[in-house]
Each structure stands twice: as C-alpha cells, then as structure tokens.
Amino acid sequence: MRIVEEQVGEALGAHATVPIAFEVTCRLRLELVDRGLHGIRLIREPVDPPYVKDYDQEEHPLRWQETWDTRNWGLISALDGTRRAGGAVIAWRTAGVNMLRGRDDLAVLWDIRVHPGYRRQGVGRRLFAAAVDWARARECADFLVETQNINVPACALYASMGCELAAISSFAYPRQPEEAQLLWRLRL
C-alpha cells in the first residue's frame, strides 16, 4: 500500500470513486447531565433498524470546486497497485470555509474515505497520519475534524489518533435532527 500526495484539481474525480457510505448500527446518544451544567455524556447504543449513511448523497466531492477555491487543499491517497483504497482531503487557507475560522494555522480534515474492501486494515489510520503530517508541513497549529454521533467508527479513529472532542452541536443539521455534530481537535 502506497500513501501518496496528489493534486486536488487532478485527482478529485478518482478520489470520489471510493465509496464513503457505511452502515449505521450504533450511535452515541447525547445525555445532558443536569441540563448540561455538569457536562454531556455520550452513550453508545444500537440503532434499530440499521441504515446506510452516504455523505456523498448530501455533498458530492465533485461539487466542492463549484463552492470553494481548492487550490490550497491537499489530497492524500492510499493506492494498492493501481487500485484506489482510500483518500483524505485537507482544507487549508480557503475563504468561505467556516471551520477554518480565517486562520492560516488551522487545517481541516474535509473528507476521509476508505474503500469497503480495505476497511479495518489500518488504511484510515495511515491516511489520517499523512493528513496530519501535511498540515504540520504547512506550520498549522491545529487540525480539526467534523463527524457525527452516528459515525462511531470514525469517532473511535479520531480519539485513537490523539484528537480530543472539542465541540458538540445537537442542532447543526436541521435536515437530520437525529444527528449531532462532533468536532474533534488535534493540537499539532
């Protein structure tokens, strides 16, 4: 397996061929302790019936360049011979990307995906580590990642890679009121 950096403008179409859909079998339910005054507990619970979540149905990668100037973005790809096993897209120095907060020392893991045939084999860990290295090479102080409480495997990955849960918003997705936004932060 080779981990390589590619140009977003040239390889985004190939990156988009890797399925990002996953089966939601459990979620992290938010439980406010004393109406939130004493914190929030995340309680893992099964989802019945399970369902498939496909982020590409909400915002497909081929549309990103219509909305944002991706010239400063990075694309890290995992290649098994000529087969694309996965990829990670990093946003940096981009007007209009609210998560970047106008900071030049902040990078955001915009998208990470691993082909289903390569999941649970360490590909995501290698992509994440390479994305962090990419941000460090640009002298970023912080690395942010957004996910949802329904993507428990991603949450476990980010925590295992040293990220801390920095923010929770249970009202971030009006079209998916059952989903809460989880923002993870890694100090570089």
C-alpha atoms as a PDB file:
ATOM      1  CA  MET A   1       0.000   0.000   0.000  1.00  0.00           C
ATOM      2  CA  ARG A   2       1.424   3.362  -1.052  1.00  0.00           C
ATOM      3  CA  ILE A   3       0.358   6.624   0.574  1.00  0.00           C
ATOM      4  CA  VAL A   4       0.871   9.470  -1.891  1.00  0.00           C
ATOM      5  CA  GLU A   5       0.010  13.153  -2.192  1.00  0.00           C
ATOM      6  CA  GLU A   6      -1.965  14.135  -5.290  1.00  0.00           C
ATOM      7  CA  GLN A   7      -3.291  17.422  -6.618  1.00  0.00           C
ATOM      8  CA  VAL A   8      -6.936  18.018  -5.734  1.00  0.00           C
ATOM      9  CA  GLY A   9      -7.718  19.514  -9.130  1.00  0.00           C
ATOM     10  CA  GLU A  10      -6.344  16.487 -10.943  1.00  0.00           C
ATOM     11  CA  ALA A  11      -7.341  13.578  -8.708  1.00  0.00           C
ATOM     12  CA  LEU A  12     -10.607  14.613  -7.034  1.00  0.00           C
ATOM     13  CA  GLY A  13     -12.655  12.604  -9.533  1.00  0.00           C
ATOM     14  CA  ALA A  14     -10.653   9.462  -8.785  1.00  0.00           C
ATOM     15  CA  HIS A  15     -10.961  10.144  -5.036  1.00  0.00           C
ATOM     16  CA  ALA A  16     -14.748  10.388  -5.411  1.00  0.00           C
ATOM     17  CA  THR A  17     -14.890   6.859  -6.839  1.00  0.00           C
ATOM     18  CA  VAL A  18     -14.076   5.447  -3.396  1.00  0.00           C
ATOM     19  CA  PRO A  19     -17.398   4.810  -1.615  1.00  0.00           C
ATOM     20  CA  ILE A  20     -17.850   6.713   1.634  1.00  0.00           C
ATOM     21  CA  ALA A  21     -21.167   5.068   2.585  1.00  0.00           C
ATOM     22  CA  PHE A  22     -21.276   2.988   5.754  1.00  0.00           C
ATOM     23  CA  GLU A  23     -23.871   1.084   7.751  1.00  0.00           C
ATOM     24  CA  VAL A  24     -25.033   2.803  10.915  1.00  0.00           C
ATOM     25  CA  THR A  25     -25.517   0.107  13.529  1.00  0.00           C
ATOM     26  CA  CYS A  26     -24.961   2.231  16.628  1.00  0.00           C
ATOM     27  CA  ARG A  27     -24.746   5.861  17.664  1.00  0.00           C
ATOM     28  CA  LEU A  28     -23.503   7.996  20.501  1.00  0.00           C
ATOM     29  CA  ARG A  29     -26.584   9.348  22.241  1.00  0.00           C
ATOM     30  CA  LEU A  30     -26.078  12.705  23.935  1.00  0.00           C
ATOM     31  CA  GLU A  31     -27.253  12.800  27.517  1.00  0.00           C
ATOM     32  CA  LEU A  32     -27.189  16.162  29.269  1.00  0.00           C
ATOM     33  CA  VAL A  33     -26.171  15.961  32.902  1.00  0.00           C
ATOM     34  CA  ASP A  34     -28.207  18.458  34.931  1.00  0.00           C
ATOM     35  CA  ARG A  35     -29.380  20.131  31.694  1.00  0.00           C
ATOM     36  CA  GLY A  36     -25.761  20.364  30.577  1.00  0.00           C
ATOM     37  CA  LEU A  37     -24.454  22.215  33.623  1.00  0.00           C
ATOM     38  CA  HIS A  38     -22.447  19.167  34.620  1.00  0.00           C
ATOM     39  CA  GLY A  39     -21.469  18.102  31.132  1.00  0.00           C
ATOM     40  CA  ILE A  40     -22.635  15.771  28.440  1.00  0.00           C
ATOM     41  CA  ARG A  41     -22.363  12.013  28.413  1.00  0.00           C
ATOM     42  CA  LEU A  42     -22.032  10.135  25.156  1.00  0.00           C
ATOM     43  CA  ILE A  43     -23.733   6.778  25.495  1.00  0.00           C
ATOM     44  CA  ARG A  44     -23.178   4.159  22.819  1.00  0.00           C
ATOM     45  CA  GLU A  45     -26.425   2.484  21.844  1.00  0.00           C
ATOM     46  CA  PRO A  46     -27.613   0.278  18.983  1.00  0.00           C
ATOM     47  CA  VAL A  47     -29.611   1.688  16.084  1.00  0.00           C
ATOM     48  CA  ASP A  48     -32.602  -0.435  15.139  1.00  0.00           C
ATOM     49  CA  PRO A  49     -33.058  -0.884  12.315  1.00  0.00           C
ATOM     50  CA  PRO A  50     -29.553  -0.213  10.970  1.00  0.00           C
ATOM     51  CA  TYR A  51     -29.368   2.004   7.892  1.00  0.00           C
ATOM     52  CA  VAL A  52     -26.817   3.222   5.348  1.00  0.00           C
ATOM     53  CA  LYS A  53     -25.369   6.732   5.591  1.00  0.00           C
ATOM     54  CA  ASP A  54     -23.795   8.125   2.426  1.00  0.00           C
ATOM     55  CA  TYR A  55     -22.224  11.561   2.815  1.00  0.00           C
ATOM     56  CA  ASP A  56     -21.859  11.812  -0.972  1.00  0.00           C
ATOM     57  CA  GLN A  57     -25.654  11.989  -1.268  1.00  0.00           C
ATOM     58  CA  GLU A  58     -25.549  15.214   0.763  1.00  0.00           C
ATOM     59  CA  GLU A  59     -22.452  16.830  -0.740  1.00  0.00           C
ATOM     60  CA  HIS A  60     -20.559  15.082  -3.518  1.00  0.00           C
ATOM     61  CA  PRO A  61     -16.807  15.785  -3.848  1.00  0.00           C
ATOM     62  CA  LEU A  62     -17.155  16.797  -7.489  1.00  0.00           C
ATOM     63  CA  ARG A  63     -19.223  19.792  -6.360  1.00  0.00           C
ATOM     64  CA  TRP A  64     -16.645  21.155  -3.910  1.00  0.00           C
ATOM     65  CA  GLN A  65     -14.791  23.101  -6.580  1.00  0.00           C
ATOM     66  CA  GLU A  66     -18.039  24.857  -7.506  1.00  0.00           C
ATOM     67  CA  THR A  67     -18.274  26.244  -3.972  1.00  0.00           C
ATOM     68  CA  TRP A  68     -14.683  26.654  -2.765  1.00  0.00           C
ATOM     69  CA  ASP A  69     -11.296  27.526  -4.151  1.00  0.00           C
ATOM     70  CA  THR A  70      -9.496  24.238  -3.506  1.00  0.00           C
ATOM     71  CA  ARG A  71      -6.042  25.332  -4.733  1.00  0.00           C
ATOM     72  CA  ASN A  72      -4.672  25.229  -1.164  1.00  0.00           C
ATOM     73  CA  TRP A  73      -6.256  21.884  -0.346  1.00  0.00           C
ATOM     74  CA  GLY A  74      -4.376  18.629  -0.019  1.00  0.00           C
ATOM     75  CA  LEU A  75      -5.279  15.143  -1.189  1.00  0.00           C
ATOM     76  CA  ILE A  76      -3.584  12.121   0.330  1.00  0.00           C
ATOM     77  CA  SER A  77      -4.356   8.843  -1.404  1.00  0.00           C
ATOM     78  CA  ALA A  78      -3.885   5.189  -0.492  1.00  0.00           C
ATOM     79  CA  LEU A  79      -3.082   3.111  -3.549  1.00  0.00           C
ATOM     80  CA  ASP A  80      -2.843  -0.687  -3.707  1.00  0.00           C
ATOM     81  CA  GLY A  81      -1.075  -1.098  -7.021  1.00  0.00           C
ATOM     82  CA  THR A  82      -3.394   0.736  -9.397  1.00  0.00           C
ATOM     83  CA  ARG A  83      -6.448   0.309  -7.143  1.00  0.00           C
ATOM     84  CA  ARG A  84      -7.547   3.275  -5.044  1.00  0.00           C
ATOM     85  CA  ALA A  85      -8.030   2.047  -1.457  1.00  0.00           C
ATOM     86  CA  GLY A  86      -8.884   5.407   0.082  1.00  0.00           C
ATOM     87  CA  GLY A  87      -8.091   9.053   0.448  1.00  0.00           C
ATOM     88  CA  ALA A  88      -8.122  12.091   2.694  1.00  0.00           C
ATOM     89  CA  VAL A  89      -8.806  15.670   1.654  1.00  0.00           C
ATOM     90  CA  ILE A  90      -7.477  18.520   3.787  1.00  0.00           C
ATOM     91  CA  ALA A  91      -8.856  22.070   3.588  1.00  0.00           C
ATOM     92  CA  TRP A  92      -6.497  24.948   4.355  1.00  0.00           C
ATOM     93  CA  ARG A  93      -6.419  28.703   3.725  1.00  0.00           C
ATOM     94  CA  THR A  94      -9.792  28.836   1.988  1.00  0.00           C
ATOM     95  CA  ALA A  95     -12.193  31.765   2.149  1.00  0.00           C
ATOM     96  CA  GLY A  96     -15.733  30.721   2.994  1.00  0.00           C
ATOM     97  CA  VAL A  97     -14.838  27.522   4.850  1.00  0.00           C
ATOM     98  CA  ASN A  98     -16.243  28.437   8.265  1.00  0.00           C
ATOM     99  CA  MET A  99     -14.404  25.668  10.095  1.00  0.00           C
ATOM    100  CA  LEU A 100     -11.096  27.316   9.151  1.00  0.00           C
ATOM    101  CA  ARG A 101     -12.162  30.448  11.063  1.00  0.00           C
ATOM    102  CA  GLY A 102      -9.984  32.609   8.809  1.00  0.00           C
ATOM    103  CA  ARG A 103      -6.842  31.142  10.380  1.00  0.00           C
ATOM    104  CA  ASP A 104      -3.773  30.269   8.336  1.00  0.00           C
ATOM    105  CA  ASP A 105      -2.519  27.928  11.075  1.00  0.00           C
ATOM    106  CA  LEU A 106      -5.569  25.663  11.033  1.00  0.00           C
ATOM    107  CA  ALA A 107      -6.281  22.731   8.712  1.00  0.00           C
ATOM    108  CA  VAL A 108      -9.476  20.694   8.490  1.00  0.00           C
ATOM    109  CA  LEU A 109      -9.807  17.057   7.529  1.00  0.00           C
ATOM    110  CA  TRP A 110     -12.524  17.711   4.974  1.00  0.00           C
ATOM    111  CA  ASP A 111     -13.093  14.154   3.837  1.00  0.00           C
ATOM    112  CA  ILE A 112     -11.641  10.761   4.601  1.00  0.00           C
ATOM    113  CA  ARG A 113     -12.816   7.593   2.938  1.00  0.00           C
ATOM    114  CA  VAL A 114     -11.654   4.007   2.720  1.00  0.00           C
ATOM    115  CA  HIS A 115     -12.967   1.540   0.149  1.00  0.00           C
ATOM    116  CA  PRO A 116     -15.130  -1.100   1.906  1.00  0.00           C
ATOM    117  CA  GLY A 117     -12.725  -3.867   0.852  1.00  0.00           C
ATOM    118  CA  TYR A 118      -9.907  -2.128   2.750  1.00  0.00           C
ATOM    119  CA  ARG A 119     -11.713  -1.047   5.912  1.00  0.00           C
ATOM    120  CA  ARG A 120     -10.489  -2.239   9.321  1.00  0.00           C
ATOM    121  CA  GLN A 121      -6.976  -2.792   7.921  1.00  0.00           C
ATOM    122  CA  GLY A 122      -5.257   0.406   9.103  1.00  0.00           C
ATOM    123  CA  VAL A 123      -5.718   2.388   5.887  1.00  0.00           C
ATOM    124  CA  GLY A 124      -7.721   5.112   7.657  1.00  0.00           C
ATOM    125  CA  ARG A 125      -5.027   5.443  10.331  1.00  0.00           C
ATOM    126  CA  ARG A 126      -2.325   5.822   7.693  1.00  0.00           C
ATOM    127  CA  LEU A 127      -4.357   8.398   5.766  1.00  0.00           C
ATOM    128  CA  PHE A 128      -5.107  10.350   8.938  1.00  0.00           C
ATOM    129  CA  ALA A 129      -1.433  10.361   9.967  1.00  0.00           C
ATOM    130  CA  ALA A 130      -0.383  11.537   6.499  1.00  0.00           C
ATOM    131  CA  ALA A 131      -3.008  14.295   6.577  1.00  0.00           C
ATOM    132  CA  VAL A 132      -1.658  15.462   9.945  1.00  0.00           C
ATOM    133  CA  ASP A 133       1.873  15.462   8.505  1.00  0.00           C
ATOM    134  CA  TRP A 134       0.583  17.513   5.556  1.00  0.00           C
ATOM    135  CA  ALA A 135      -0.858  20.106   7.979  1.00  0.00           C
ATOM    136  CA  ARG A 136       2.337  20.171  10.065  1.00  0.00           C
ATOM    137  CA  ALA A 137       4.398  20.809   6.929  1.00  0.00           C
ATOM    138  CA  ARG A 138       2.306  23.966   6.448  1.00  0.00           C
ATOM    139  CA  GLU A 139       3.011  25.012  10.044  1.00  0.00           C
ATOM    140  CA  CYS A 140      -0.549  24.508  11.236  1.00  0.00           C
ATOM    141  CA  ALA A 141      -1.068  24.624  14.990  1.00  0.00           C
ATOM    142  CA  ASP A 142      -4.421  22.825  14.976  1.00  0.00           C
ATOM    143  CA  PHE A 143      -6.131  20.118  12.961  1.00  0.00           C
ATOM    144  CA  LEU A 144      -9.943  19.875  13.078  1.00  0.00           C
ATOM    145  CA  VAL A 145     -12.266  17.077  12.052  1.00  0.00           C
ATOM    146  CA  GLU A 146     -16.051  17.098  11.875  1.00  0.00           C
ATOM    147  CA  THR A 147     -18.156  13.986  12.134  1.00  0.00           C
ATOM    148  CA  GLN A 148     -21.486  12.936  13.566  1.00  0.00           C
ATOM    149  CA  ASN A 149     -22.614  10.899  16.534  1.00  0.00           C
ATOM    150  CA  ILE A 150     -23.828   8.233  14.101  1.00  0.00           C
ATOM    151  CA  ASN A 151     -20.303   7.594  12.799  1.00  0.00           C
ATOM    152  CA  VAL A 152     -18.978   5.729  15.827  1.00  0.00           C
ATOM    153  CA  PRO A 153     -16.059   4.062  13.978  1.00  0.00           C
ATOM    154  CA  ALA A 154     -14.796   7.496  12.852  1.00  0.00           C
ATOM    155  CA  CYS A 155     -15.093   8.843  16.399  1.00  0.00           C
ATOM    156  CA  ALA A 156     -13.060   5.893  17.674  1.00  0.00           C
ATOM    157  CA  LEU A 157     -10.416   6.508  14.994  1.00  0.00           C
ATOM    158  CA  TYR A 158     -10.052  10.209  15.822  1.00  0.00           C
ATOM    159  CA  ALA A 159      -9.828   9.547  19.556  1.00  0.00           C
ATOM    160  CA  SER A 160      -7.223   6.816  18.987  1.00  0.00           C
ATOM    161  CA  MET A 161      -5.164   9.223  16.870  1.00  0.00           C
ATOM    162  CA  GLY A 162      -4.944  11.694  19.768  1.00  0.00           C
ATOM    163  CA  CYS A 163      -7.831  14.018  18.952  1.00  0.00           C
ATOM    164  CA  GLU A 164      -9.948  15.495  21.719  1.00  0.00           C
ATOM    165  CA  LEU A 165     -13.639  16.194  21.430  1.00  0.00           C
ATOM    166  CA  ALA A 166     -13.720  19.991  21.208  1.00  0.00           C
ATOM    167  CA  ALA A 167     -17.377  20.783  20.499  1.00  0.00           C
ATOM    168  CA  ILE A 168     -20.783  19.173  20.221  1.00  0.00           C
ATOM    169  CA  SER A 169     -23.771  20.692  18.452  1.00  0.00           C
ATOM    170  CA  SER A 170     -27.064  18.874  18.549  1.00  0.00           C
ATOM    171  CA  PHE A 171     -28.649  21.474  16.222  1.00  0.00           C
ATOM    172  CA  ALA A 172     -26.061  21.587  13.407  1.00  0.00           C
ATOM    173  CA  TYR A 173     -28.046  19.573  10.880  1.00  0.00           C
ATOM    174  CA  PRO A 174     -31.653  20.767  10.580  1.00  0.00           C
ATOM    175  CA  ARG A 175     -32.397  18.133   7.897  1.00  0.00           C
ATOM    176  CA  GLN A 176     -31.053  15.344  10.136  1.00  0.00           C
ATOM    177  CA  PRO A 177     -32.304  16.274  13.622  1.00  0.00           C
ATOM    178  CA  GLU A 178     -31.274  12.845  14.979  1.00  0.00           C
ATOM    179  CA  GLU A 179     -27.614  13.607  14.187  1.00  0.00           C
ATOM    180  CA  ALA A 180     -25.293  15.687  16.361  1.00  0.00           C
ATOM    181  CA  GLN A 181     -22.144  17.347  15.076  1.00  0.00           C
ATOM    182  CA  LEU A 182     -18.938  16.347  16.828  1.00  0.00           C
ATOM    183  CA  LEU A 183     -15.814  18.462  16.286  1.00  0.00           C
ATOM    184  CA  TRP A 184     -12.503  16.827  17.061  1.00  0.00           C
ATOM    185  CA  ARG A 185      -9.262  18.760  17.545  1.00  0.00           C
ATOM    186  CA  LEU A 186      -5.653  17.717  17.410  1.00  0.00           C
ATOM    187  CA  ARG A 187      -3.011  20.204  18.546  1.00  0.00           C
ATOM    188  CA  LEU A 188      -0.015  19.952  16.261  1.00  0.00           C
END
